[in-house]
């Protein structure tokens, strides 16, 4: 499975979790890994890692910093 195919599978799994699916499993290397709402941050990190390997820059923006007085 190519990196692009892995990224597509992981992004699809992330979308499923975000839209209500309780758990999803994806192929990660030679094993299947299950993700759910409790560990969705691990899936997000996996997606970011795949994007970095493919040279895709992360375009997620942070919210503006607040100023305190």
Protein backbone atom coordinates (compact mmCIF):
# COMPACT_ATOMS: atom_id res chain seq x y z
CA UNK A 1 0.00 0.00 0.00
CA UNK A 2 1.44 3.38 -0.99
CA UNK A 3 1.77 6.36 1.36
CA UNK A 4 -0.97 8.17 -0.53
CA UNK A 5 -3.31 5.20 -0.13
CA UNK A 6 -2.53 5.01 3.59
CA UNK A 7 -3.22 8.74 3.93
CA UNK A 8 -6.56 8.40 2.13
CA UNK A 9 -7.57 5.48 4.37
CA UNK A 10 -6.54 7.35 7.53
CA UNK A 11 -8.36 10.54 6.51
CA UNK A 12 -11.48 8.54 5.70
CA UNK A 13 -11.28 6.86 9.12
CA UNK A 14 -10.84 10.26 10.80
CA UNK A 15 -13.91 11.57 8.97
CA UNK A 16 -15.94 8.55 10.08
CA UNK A 17 -15.03 9.10 13.73
CA UNK A 18 -15.81 12.81 13.49
CA UNK A 19 -19.23 12.09 12.01
CA UNK A 20 -20.33 9.56 14.61
CA UNK A 21 -18.82 6.16 13.88
CA UNK A 22 -17.81 4.70 17.24
CA UNK A 23 -14.63 2.94 16.07
CA UNK A 24 -12.69 2.33 12.87
CA UNK A 25 -9.71 0.18 12.04
CA UNK A 26 -7.03 0.86 9.46
CA UNK A 27 -4.01 -0.94 8.13
CA UNK A 28 -0.85 0.52 9.68
CA UNK A 29 2.16 -1.25 8.30
CA UNK A 30 1.62 -4.97 8.71
CA UNK A 31 -1.06 -4.72 11.41
CA UNK A 32 -4.59 -3.41 11.84
CA UNK A 33 -5.06 -0.62 14.36
CA UNK A 34 -8.39 0.43 15.85
CA UNK A 35 -9.17 4.06 16.62
CA UNK A 36 -12.11 5.57 18.45
CA UNK A 37 -13.10 8.91 19.99
CA UNK A 38 -10.79 8.31 22.96
CA UNK A 39 -7.63 8.00 20.85
CA UNK A 40 -8.55 10.09 17.79
CA UNK A 41 -5.53 12.31 18.58
CA UNK A 42 -3.27 9.34 17.73
CA UNK A 43 -5.00 8.98 14.36
CA UNK A 44 -4.55 12.74 13.75
CA UNK A 45 -0.83 12.38 14.56
CA UNK A 46 -0.59 9.43 12.14
CA UNK A 47 -2.22 11.53 9.40
CA UNK A 48 0.17 14.41 10.07
CA UNK A 49 3.13 11.99 9.92
CA UNK A 50 1.98 10.58 6.57
CA UNK A 51 1.55 14.10 5.20
CA UNK A 52 5.06 15.01 6.33
CA UNK A 53 6.46 11.92 4.59
CA UNK A 54 4.65 12.96 1.42
CA UNK A 55 5.89 16.55 1.69
CA UNK A 56 2.42 17.95 2.26
CA UNK A 57 2.57 20.98 4.51
CA UNK A 58 0.17 21.28 7.40
CA UNK A 59 -2.15 24.21 6.72
CA UNK A 60 -4.13 24.04 9.96
CA UNK A 61 -4.16 27.46 11.57
CA UNK A 62 -4.11 28.35 15.20
CA UNK A 63 -6.57 30.80 16.63
CA UNK A 64 -5.25 34.31 17.26
CA UNK A 65 -3.33 34.79 20.47
CA UNK A 66 -5.13 36.83 23.08
CA UNK A 67 -3.61 39.89 24.68
CA UNK A 68 -3.91 40.33 28.42
CA UNK A 69 -3.45 43.51 30.39
